[in-house]
Amino acid sequence: MREQVMEAVSQLAEPQLEGALLFLRAMTASGSWPSLVAAELDDEPYGERELGEDAGTLGHLERANLLTTEQLSRELGL
């Protein structure tokens, strides 16, 4: 199995490697990953309500006074 995983990774294009690494790290960090992998795909359509909620959330984030990690580190003297 390990060889098959390594072969699949070796066939990924460079831009896909970061996503694959994040996925693998999430799998090893989470004790619930087997249930996530076994879960059925969500085939519910993404409706207008959800799109509106997403737009509202993005608008809120754009208006919020957020700091980047770098800004926060500077402010805290780290």
Protein backbone atom coordinates (compact mmCIF):
# COMPACT_ATOMS: atom_id res chain seq x y z
CA MET A 1 0.00 0.00 0.00
CA ARG A 2 2.81 2.43 0.89
CA GLU A 3 4.37 1.88 -2.53
CA GLN A 4 1.05 2.63 -4.23
CA VAL A 5 0.70 5.86 -2.28
CA MET A 6 4.25 6.87 -3.14
CA GLU A 7 3.62 6.08 -6.82
CA ALA A 8 0.44 8.17 -6.81
CA VAL A 9 2.31 11.09 -5.20
CA SER A 10 5.13 10.84 -7.73
CA GLN A 11 2.60 11.31 -10.54
CA LEU A 12 1.17 14.56 -9.14
CA ALA A 13 1.96 17.81 -10.90
CA GLU A 14 4.01 20.31 -8.87
CA PRO A 15 1.02 22.59 -8.10
CA GLN A 16 -0.87 19.62 -6.60
CA LEU A 17 1.86 18.65 -4.16
CA GLU A 18 1.05 21.29 -1.55
CA GLY A 19 -2.58 20.17 -1.38
CA ALA A 20 -1.53 16.54 -1.12
CA LEU A 21 0.87 17.35 1.70
CA LEU A 22 -1.79 19.30 3.59
CA PHE A 23 -4.24 16.44 3.15
CA LEU A 24 -1.74 13.86 4.41
CA ARG A 25 -0.83 16.02 7.40
CA ALA A 26 -4.51 16.46 8.25
CA MET A 27 -5.03 12.71 8.04
CA THR A 28 -2.19 11.99 10.42
CA ALA A 29 -3.15 14.78 12.84
CA SER A 30 -6.80 13.85 13.09
CA GLY A 31 -7.99 10.79 14.94
CA SER A 32 -11.23 10.96 12.97
CA TRP A 33 -9.72 10.71 9.48
CA PRO A 34 -10.96 7.15 8.84
CA SER A 35 -14.55 8.32 9.21
CA LEU A 36 -13.87 11.34 6.99
CA VAL A 37 -12.44 9.13 4.26
CA ALA A 38 -15.34 6.67 4.54
CA ALA A 39 -18.04 9.35 4.53
CA GLU A 40 -20.33 9.62 1.54
CA LEU A 41 -19.79 12.55 -0.78
CA ASP A 42 -22.07 15.52 -0.19
CA ASP A 43 -24.16 15.70 -3.35
CA GLU A 44 -26.58 18.37 -2.15
CA PRO A 45 -26.66 21.33 -4.54
CA TYR A 46 -25.05 24.52 -3.27
CA GLY A 47 -27.99 26.91 -3.39
CA GLU A 48 -28.54 30.63 -3.54
CA ARG A 49 -28.95 30.82 0.24
CA GLU A 50 -25.52 29.31 0.83
CA LEU A 51 -23.95 31.56 -1.80
CA GLY A 52 -25.53 34.58 -0.11
CA GLU A 53 -24.26 33.50 3.29
CA ASP A 54 -20.76 33.05 1.86
CA ALA A 55 -20.86 36.50 0.26
CA GLY A 56 -21.97 38.01 3.57
CA THR A 57 -19.17 36.30 5.45
CA LEU A 58 -16.56 37.39 2.91
CA GLY A 59 -17.86 40.96 3.09
CA HIS A 60 -17.63 40.88 6.88
CA LEU A 61 -14.04 39.63 6.72
CA GLU A 62 -13.09 42.33 4.23
CA ARG A 63 -14.48 45.03 6.55
CA ALA A 64 -12.96 43.56 9.71
CA ASN A 65 -9.81 44.99 11.21
CA LEU A 66 -7.73 41.82 10.97
CA LEU A 67 -3.99 41.46 11.44
CA THR A 68 -1.70 39.20 9.47
CA THR A 69 0.46 36.75 11.42
CA GLU A 70 3.45 38.97 10.67
CA GLN A 71 1.68 42.10 11.98
CA LEU A 72 0.54 40.32 15.12
CA SER A 73 4.03 38.96 15.78
CA ARG A 74 5.48 42.46 15.44
CA GLU A 75 2.82 43.90 17.74
CA LEU A 76 3.54 41.25 20.37
CA GLY A 77 7.29 41.63 19.95
CA LEU A 78 7.81 38.08 18.77
